[in-house]
Amino acid sequence: METILSVLQVIISVIVVFLVLMHSGKDAGLSGAFGVGSGTGPLGGGSMVERNLNRWTIFFAILFILNAIVLLKRPWA
């Protein structure tokens, strides 16, 4: 079980890093290379793609934290 969660943690962390790099910053970052919108809206995301990118980043960040907590508090050890 620990091995499965550890491998899952690595996969999630790679996804989180990729999603964070996709976000546009002051210089549009990598998101400009992939066509992610650079406009601004009421919550910072100008396009539907940007809002979905924000949602996926938050989802995987929470998943990363929860998996880390489960790995730290593993009852089977």
PDB file of N, CA and C in Angstrom:
ATOM      1  N   MET A   1       0.822  -1.195   0.000  1.00  0.00           N
ATOM      2  CA  MET A   1       0.000   0.000   0.000  1.00  0.00           C
ATOM      3  C   MET A   1       0.869   1.264   0.000  1.00  0.00           C
ATOM      4  N   GLU A   2       1.935   1.202   0.791  1.00  0.00           N
ATOM      5  CA  GLU A   2       2.833   2.362   0.865  1.00  0.00           C
ATOM      6  C   GLU A   2       3.498   2.634  -0.481  1.00  0.00           C
ATOM      7  N   THR A   3       3.853   1.576  -1.189  1.00  0.00           N
ATOM      8  CA  THR A   3       4.492   1.737  -2.497  1.00  0.00           C
ATOM      9  C   THR A   3       3.533   2.379  -3.496  1.00  0.00           C
ATOM     10  N   ILE A   4       2.284   1.955  -3.473  1.00  0.00           N
ATOM     11  CA  ILE A   4       1.287   2.514  -4.384  1.00  0.00           C
ATOM     12  C   ILE A   4       1.094   4.001  -4.108  1.00  0.00           C
ATOM     13  N   LEU A   5       0.974   4.366  -2.830  1.00  0.00           N
ATOM     14  CA  LEU A   5       0.784   5.773  -2.476  1.00  0.00           C
ATOM     15  C   LEU A   5       2.021   6.607  -2.789  1.00  0.00           C
ATOM     16  N   SER A   6       3.194   6.022  -2.635  1.00  0.00           N
ATOM     17  CA  SER A   6       4.429   6.748  -2.956  1.00  0.00           C
ATOM     18  C   SER A   6       4.545   7.017  -4.453  1.00  0.00           C
ATOM     19  N   VAL A   7       4.233   6.018  -5.260  1.00  0.00           N
ATOM     20  CA  VAL A   7       4.262   6.205  -6.709  1.00  0.00           C
ATOM     21  C   VAL A   7       3.200   7.226  -7.115  1.00  0.00           C
ATOM     22  N   LEU A   8       2.021   7.153  -6.507  1.00  0.00           N
ATOM     23  CA  LEU A   8       0.960   8.117  -6.779  1.00  0.00           C
ATOM     24  C   LEU A   8       1.400   9.534  -6.405  1.00  0.00           C
ATOM     25  N   GLN A   9       2.144   9.662  -5.313  1.00  0.00           N
ATOM     26  CA  GLN A   9       2.631  10.976  -4.882  1.00  0.00           C
ATOM     27  C   GLN A   9       3.582  11.574  -5.920  1.00  0.00           C
ATOM     28  N   VAL A  10       4.444  10.749  -6.472  1.00  0.00           N
ATOM     29  CA  VAL A  10       5.383  11.233  -7.488  1.00  0.00           C
ATOM     30  C   VAL A  10       4.629  11.670  -8.743  1.00  0.00           C
ATOM     31  N   ILE A  11       3.653  10.875  -9.154  1.00  0.00           N
ATOM     32  CA  ILE A  11       2.867  11.219 -10.345  1.00  0.00           C
ATOM     33  C   ILE A  11       2.108  12.522 -10.130  1.00  0.00           C
ATOM     34  N   ILE A  12       1.479  12.657  -8.965  1.00  0.00           N
ATOM     35  CA  ILE A  12       0.726  13.875  -8.657  1.00  0.00           C
ATOM     36  C   ILE A  12       1.658  15.080  -8.619  1.00  0.00           C
ATOM     37  N   SER A  13       2.834  14.914  -8.048  1.00  0.00           N
ATOM     38  CA  SER A  13       3.761  16.045  -7.957  1.00  0.00           C
ATOM     39  C   SER A  13       4.219  16.504  -9.340  1.00  0.00           C
ATOM     40  N   VAL A  14       4.449  15.578 -10.262  1.00  0.00           N
ATOM     41  CA  VAL A  14       4.827  15.953 -11.626  1.00  0.00           C
ATOM     42  C   VAL A  14       3.678  16.710 -12.299  1.00  0.00           C
ATOM     43  N   ILE A  15       2.447  16.243 -12.078  1.00  0.00           N
ATOM     44  CA  ILE A  15       1.280  16.917 -12.652  1.00  0.00           C
ATOM     45  C   ILE A  15       1.143  18.329 -12.085  1.00  0.00           C
ATOM     46  N   VAL A  16       1.341  18.486 -10.772  1.00  0.00           N
ATOM     47  CA  VAL A  16       1.228  19.807 -10.145  1.00  0.00           C
ATOM     48  C   VAL A  16       2.289  20.755 -10.704  1.00  0.00           C
ATOM     49  N   VAL A  17       3.508  20.273 -10.846  1.00  0.00           N
ATOM     50  CA  VAL A  17       4.574  21.115 -11.399  1.00  0.00           C
ATOM     51  C   VAL A  17       4.220  21.544 -12.819  1.00  0.00           C
ATOM     52  N   PHE A  18       3.742  20.618 -13.630  1.00  0.00           N
ATOM     53  CA  PHE A  18       3.357  20.943 -15.004  1.00  0.00           C
ATOM     54  C   PHE A  18       2.230  21.971 -15.026  1.00  0.00           C
ATOM     55  N   LEU A  19       1.218  21.782 -14.179  1.00  0.00           N
ATOM     56  CA  LEU A  19       0.089  22.713 -14.152  1.00  0.00           C
ATOM     57  C   LEU A  19       0.519  24.107 -13.694  1.00  0.00           C
ATOM     58  N   VAL A  20       1.398  24.180 -12.718  1.00  0.00           N
ATOM     59  CA  VAL A  20       1.869  25.480 -12.242  1.00  0.00           C
ATOM     60  C   VAL A  20       2.673  26.183 -13.337  1.00  0.00           C
ATOM     61  N   LEU A  21       3.471  25.426 -14.068  1.00  0.00           N
ATOM     62  CA  LEU A  21       4.242  26.030 -15.155  1.00  0.00           C
ATOM     63  C   LEU A  21       3.349  26.507 -16.295  1.00  0.00           C
ATOM     64  N   MET A  22       2.186  25.922 -16.436  1.00  0.00           N
ATOM     65  CA  MET A  22       1.256  26.330 -17.488  1.00  0.00           C
ATOM     66  C   MET A  22       0.614  27.684 -17.202  1.00  0.00           C
ATOM     67  N   HIS A  23       0.585  28.102 -15.935  1.00  0.00           N
ATOM     68  CA  HIS A  23      -0.045  29.373 -15.583  1.00  0.00           C
ATOM     69  C   HIS A  23       0.727  30.538 -16.165  1.00  0.00           C
ATOM     70  N   SER A  24      -0.011  31.555 -16.555  1.00  0.00           N
ATOM     71  CA  SER A  24       0.642  32.739 -17.097  1.00  0.00           C
ATOM     72  C   SER A  24       1.077  33.638 -15.955  1.00  0.00           C
ATOM     73  N   GLY A  25       2.255  34.154 -16.094  1.00  0.00           N
ATOM     74  CA  GLY A  25       2.777  35.081 -15.110  1.00  0.00           C
ATOM     75  C   GLY A  25       2.905  36.449 -15.739  1.00  0.00           C
ATOM     76  N   LYS A  26       3.880  37.215 -15.288  1.00  0.00           N
ATOM     77  CA  LYS A  26       4.092  38.548 -15.846  1.00  0.00           C
ATOM     78  C   LYS A  26       4.519  38.466 -17.312  1.00  0.00           C
ATOM     79  N   ASP A  27       5.251  37.437 -17.665  1.00  0.00           N
ATOM     80  CA  ASP A  27       5.753  37.301 -19.030  1.00  0.00           C
ATOM     81  C   ASP A  27       5.012  36.229 -19.820  1.00  0.00           C
ATOM     82  N   ALA A  28       3.852  35.827 -19.382  1.00  0.00           N
ATOM     83  CA  ALA A  28       2.998  34.816 -20.013  1.00  0.00           C
ATOM     84  C   ALA A  28       3.521  33.402 -19.831  1.00  0.00           C
ATOM     85  N   GLY A  29       4.740  33.202 -19.413  1.00  0.00           N
ATOM     86  CA  GLY A  29       5.264  31.885 -19.084  1.00  0.00           C
ATOM     87  C   GLY A  29       5.071  30.849 -20.177  1.00  0.00           C
ATOM     88  N   LEU A  30       4.961  29.595 -19.764  1.00  0.00           N
ATOM     89  CA  LEU A  30       4.764  28.515 -20.715  1.00  0.00           C
ATOM     90  C   LEU A  30       3.347  28.500 -21.266  1.00  0.00           C
ATOM     91  N   SER A  31       2.424  29.131 -20.564  1.00  0.00           N
ATOM     92  CA  SER A  31       1.039  29.093 -21.022  1.00  0.00           C
ATOM     93  C   SER A  31       0.874  29.793 -22.361  1.00  0.00           C
ATOM     94  N   GLY A  32       1.690  30.783 -22.643  1.00  0.00           N
ATOM     95  CA  GLY A  32       1.630  31.460 -23.932  1.00  0.00           C
ATOM     96  C   GLY A  32       2.044  30.543 -25.078  1.00  0.00           C
ATOM     97  N   ALA A  33       2.946  29.616 -24.784  1.00  0.00           N
ATOM     98  CA  ALA A  33       3.402  28.688 -25.816  1.00  0.00           C
ATOM     99  C   ALA A  33       2.311  27.698 -26.202  1.00  0.00           C
ATOM    100  N   PHE A  34       1.392  27.434 -25.285  1.00  0.00           N
ATOM    101  CA  PHE A  34       0.346  26.456 -25.541  1.00  0.00           C
ATOM    102  C   PHE A  34      -1.009  27.104 -25.795  1.00  0.00           C
ATOM    103  N   GLY A  35      -1.056  28.405 -25.916  1.00  0.00           N
ATOM    104  CA  GLY A  35      -2.281  29.082 -26.293  1.00  0.00           C
ATOM    105  C   GLY A  35      -3.262  29.331 -25.173  1.00  0.00           C
ATOM    106  N   VAL A  36      -2.829  29.256 -23.927  1.00  0.00           N
ATOM    107  CA  VAL A  36      -3.726  29.550 -22.815  1.00  0.00           C
ATOM    108  C   VAL A  36      -3.966  31.049 -22.786  1.00  0.00           C
ATOM    109  N   GLY A  37      -5.223  31.454 -22.576  1.00  0.00           N
ATOM    110  CA  GLY A  37      -5.579  32.876 -22.620  1.00  0.00           C
ATOM    111  C   GLY A  37      -4.814  33.712 -21.616  1.00  0.00           C
ATOM    112  N   SER A  38      -4.547  34.945 -22.002  1.00  0.00           N
ATOM    113  CA  SER A  38      -3.804  35.831 -21.118  1.00  0.00           C
ATOM    114  C   SER A  38      -4.655  36.980 -20.607  1.00  0.00           C
ATOM    115  N   GLY A  39      -5.936  36.974 -20.935  1.00  0.00           N
ATOM    116  CA  GLY A  39      -6.816  38.042 -20.472  1.00  0.00           C
ATOM    117  C   GLY A  39      -7.106  37.912 -18.994  1.00  0.00           C
ATOM    118  N   THR A  40      -7.638  38.981 -18.417  1.00  0.00           N
ATOM    119  CA  THR A  40      -7.944  38.939 -16.997  1.00  0.00           C
ATOM    120  C   THR A  40      -9.435  39.117 -16.796  1.00  0.00           C
ATOM    121  N   GLY A  41      -9.934  38.427 -15.806  1.00  0.00           N
ATOM    122  CA  GLY A  41     -11.346  38.511 -15.470  1.00  0.00           C
ATOM    123  C   GLY A  41     -11.505  38.820 -14.001  1.00  0.00           C
ATOM    124  N   PRO A  42     -12.689  38.634 -13.458  1.00  0.00           N
ATOM    125  CA  PRO A  42     -12.911  38.966 -12.053  1.00  0.00           C
ATOM    126  C   PRO A  42     -12.092  38.120 -11.084  1.00  0.00           C
ATOM    127  N   LEU A  43     -11.757  36.881 -11.460  1.00  0.00           N
ATOM    128  CA  LEU A  43     -10.969  36.021 -10.583  1.00  0.00           C
ATOM    129  C   LEU A  43      -9.576  35.766 -11.115  1.00  0.00           C
ATOM    130  N   GLY A  44      -9.122  36.546 -12.055  1.00  0.00           N
ATOM    131  CA  GLY A  44      -7.781  36.420 -12.582  1.00  0.00           C
ATOM    132  C   GLY A  44      -7.701  35.644 -13.882  1.00  0.00           C
ATOM    133  N   GLY A  45      -8.647  34.739 -14.157  1.00  0.00           N
ATOM    134  CA  GLY A  45      -8.606  33.973 -15.390  1.00  0.00           C
ATOM    135  C   GLY A  45      -9.497  34.616 -16.426  1.00  0.00           C
ATOM    136  N   GLY A  46      -8.943  34.931 -17.560  1.00  0.00           N
ATOM    137  CA  GLY A  46      -9.702  35.626 -18.581  1.00  0.00           C
ATOM    138  C   GLY A  46     -10.529  34.703 -19.449  1.00  0.00           C
ATOM    139  N   SER A  47     -10.058  33.495 -19.647  1.00  0.00           N
ATOM    140  CA  SER A  47     -10.758  32.589 -20.532  1.00  0.00           C
ATOM    141  C   SER A  47     -11.212  31.361 -19.765  1.00  0.00           C
ATOM    142  N   MET A  48     -12.030  30.574 -20.425  1.00  0.00           N
ATOM    143  CA  MET A  48     -12.501  29.333 -19.822  1.00  0.00           C
ATOM    144  C   MET A  48     -11.334  28.380 -19.598  1.00  0.00           C
ATOM    145  N   VAL A  49     -10.363  28.411 -20.499  1.00  0.00           N
ATOM    146  CA  VAL A  49      -9.197  27.544 -20.361  1.00  0.00           C
ATOM    147  C   VAL A  49      -8.407  27.920 -19.113  1.00  0.00           C
ATOM    148  N   GLU A  50      -8.246  29.205 -18.883  1.00  0.00           N
ATOM    149  CA  GLU A  50      -7.502  29.668 -17.704  1.00  0.00           C
ATOM    150  C   GLU A  50      -8.227  29.288 -16.413  1.00  0.00           C
ATOM    151  N   ARG A  51      -9.544  29.429 -16.399  1.00  0.00           N
ATOM    152  CA  ARG A  51     -10.314  29.050 -15.210  1.00  0.00           C
ATOM    153  C   ARG A  51     -10.216  27.550 -14.962  1.00  0.00           C
ATOM    154  N   ASN A  52     -10.301  26.752 -16.022  1.00  0.00           N
ATOM    155  CA  ASN A  52     -10.166  25.302 -15.859  1.00  0.00           C
ATOM    156  C   ASN A  52      -8.765  24.925 -15.400  1.00  0.00           C
ATOM    157  N   LEU A  53      -7.764  25.630 -15.891  1.00  0.00           N
ATOM    158  CA  LEU A  53      -6.395  25.385 -15.442  1.00  0.00           C
ATOM    159  C   LEU A  53      -6.266  25.678 -13.951  1.00  0.00           C
ATOM    160  N   ASN A  54      -6.893  26.757 -13.496  1.00  0.00           N
ATOM    161  CA  ASN A  54      -6.889  27.067 -12.065  1.00  0.00           C
ATOM    162  C   ASN A  54      -7.565  25.972 -11.258  1.00  0.00           C
ATOM    163  N   ARG A  55      -8.699  25.499 -11.739  1.00  0.00           N
ATOM    164  CA  ARG A  55      -9.437  24.445 -11.021  1.00  0.00           C
ATOM    165  C   ARG A  55      -8.638  23.154 -10.942  1.00  0.00           C
ATOM    166  N   TRP A  56      -8.016  22.762 -12.055  1.00  0.00           N
ATOM    167  CA  TRP A  56      -7.222  21.530 -12.057  1.00  0.00           C
ATOM    168  C   TRP A  56      -5.993  21.660 -11.149  1.00  0.00           C
ATOM    169  N   THR A  57      -5.388  22.831 -11.141  1.00  0.00           N
ATOM    170  CA  THR A  57      -4.229  23.043 -10.267  1.00  0.00           C
ATOM    171  C   THR A  57      -4.619  22.928  -8.807  1.00  0.00           C
ATOM    172  N   ILE A  58      -5.728  23.535  -8.433  1.00  0.00           N
ATOM    173  CA  ILE A  58      -6.206  23.458  -7.053  1.00  0.00           C
ATOM    174  C   ILE A  58      -6.563  22.019  -6.691  1.00  0.00           C
ATOM    175  N   PHE A  59      -7.245  21.323  -7.595  1.00  0.00           N
ATOM    176  CA  PHE A  59      -7.640  19.940  -7.345  1.00  0.00           C
ATOM    177  C   PHE A  59      -6.422  19.056  -7.084  1.00  0.00           C
ATOM    178  N   PHE A  60      -5.418  19.142  -7.956  1.00  0.00           N
ATOM    179  CA  PHE A  60      -4.241  18.293  -7.795  1.00  0.00           C
ATOM    180  C   PHE A  60      -3.379  18.728  -6.608  1.00  0.00           C
ATOM    181  N   ALA A  61      -3.380  20.009  -6.266  1.00  0.00           N
ATOM    182  CA  ALA A  61      -2.644  20.455  -5.079  1.00  0.00           C
ATOM    183  C   ALA A  61      -3.282  19.884  -3.808  1.00  0.00           C
ATOM    184  N   ILE A  62      -4.605  19.895  -3.743  1.00  0.00           N
ATOM    185  CA  ILE A  62      -5.295  19.319  -2.586  1.00  0.00           C
ATOM    186  C   ILE A  62      -5.060  17.817  -2.534  1.00  0.00           C
ATOM    187  N   LEU A  63      -5.117  17.158  -3.687  1.00  0.00           N
ATOM    188  CA  LEU A  63      -4.843  15.723  -3.752  1.00  0.00           C
ATOM    189  C   LEU A  63      -3.425  15.415  -3.279  1.00  0.00           C
ATOM    190  N   PHE A  64      -2.469  16.264  -3.666  1.00  0.00           N
ATOM    191  CA  PHE A  64      -1.082  16.103  -3.246  1.00  0.00           C
ATOM    192  C   PHE A  64      -0.958  16.201  -1.724  1.00  0.00           C
ATOM    193  N   ILE A  65      -1.605  17.202  -1.144  1.00  0.00           N
ATOM    194  CA  ILE A  65      -1.536  17.403   0.311  1.00  0.00           C
ATOM    195  C   ILE A  65      -2.185  16.242   1.053  1.00  0.00           C
ATOM    196  N   LEU A  66      -3.363  15.816   0.588  1.00  0.00           N
ATOM    197  CA  LEU A  66      -4.054  14.698   1.250  1.00  0.00           C
ATOM    198  C   LEU A  66      -3.240  13.411   1.168  1.00  0.00           C
ATOM    199  N   ASN A  67      -2.648  13.154   0.018  1.00  0.00           N
ATOM    200  CA  ASN A  67      -1.824  11.958  -0.129  1.00  0.00           C
ATOM    201  C   ASN A  67      -0.588  12.030   0.770  1.00  0.00           C
ATOM    202  N   ALA A  68      -0.003  13.207   0.901  1.00  0.00           N
ATOM    203  CA  ALA A  68       1.154  13.372   1.789  1.00  0.00           C
ATOM    204  C   ALA A  68       0.767  13.109   3.241  1.00  0.00           C
ATOM    205  N   ILE A  69      -0.407  13.594   3.642  1.00  0.00           N
ATOM    206  CA  ILE A  69      -0.874  13.364   5.014  1.00  0.00           C
ATOM    207  C   ILE A  69      -1.111  11.883   5.251  1.00  0.00           C
ATOM    208  N   VAL A  70      -1.710  11.197   4.283  1.00  0.00           N
ATOM    209  CA  VAL A  70      -1.948   9.752   4.418  1.00  0.00           C
ATOM    210  C   VAL A  70      -0.625   9.009   4.513  1.00  0.00           C
ATOM    211  N   LEU A  71       0.357   9.424   3.714  1.00  0.00           N
ATOM    212  CA  LEU A  71       1.667   8.772   3.788  1.00  0.00           C
ATOM    213  C   LEU A  71       2.362   9.003   5.125  1.00  0.00           C
ATOM    214  N   LEU A  72       2.186  10.190   5.689  1.00  0.00           N
ATOM    215  CA  LEU A  72       2.804  10.505   6.978  1.00  0.00           C
ATOM    216  C   LEU A  72       2.106   9.813   8.140  1.00  0.00           C
ATOM    217  N   LYS A  73       0.805   9.661   8.040  1.00  0.00           N
ATOM    218  CA  LYS A  73       0.008   9.062   9.127  1.00  0.00           C
ATOM    219  C   LYS A  73      -0.356   7.605   8.842  1.00  0.00           C
ATOM    220  N   ARG A  74       0.420   6.954   8.021  1.00  0.00           N
ATOM    221  CA  ARG A  74       0.086   5.589   7.611  1.00  0.00           C
ATOM    222  C   ARG A  74      -0.063   4.660   8.824  1.00  0.00           C
ATOM    223  N   PRO A  75      -1.245   4.091   8.973  1.00  0.00           N
ATOM    224  CA  PRO A  75      -1.498   3.221  10.123  1.00  0.00           C
ATOM    225  C   PRO A  75      -0.910   1.827   9.951  1.00  0.00           C
ATOM    226  N   TRP A  76      -0.498   1.461   8.742  1.00  0.00           N
ATOM    227  CA  TRP A  76      -0.004   0.123   8.506  1.00  0.00           C
ATOM    228  C   TRP A  76       1.466  -0.039   8.820  1.00  0.00           C
ATOM    229  N   ALA A  77       2.152   1.056   9.179  1.00  0.00           N
ATOM    230  CA  ALA A  77       3.590   0.975   9.473  1.00  0.00           C
ATOM    231  C   ALA A  77       3.843   0.615  10.906  1.00  0.00           C
TER     232      ALA A  77
END
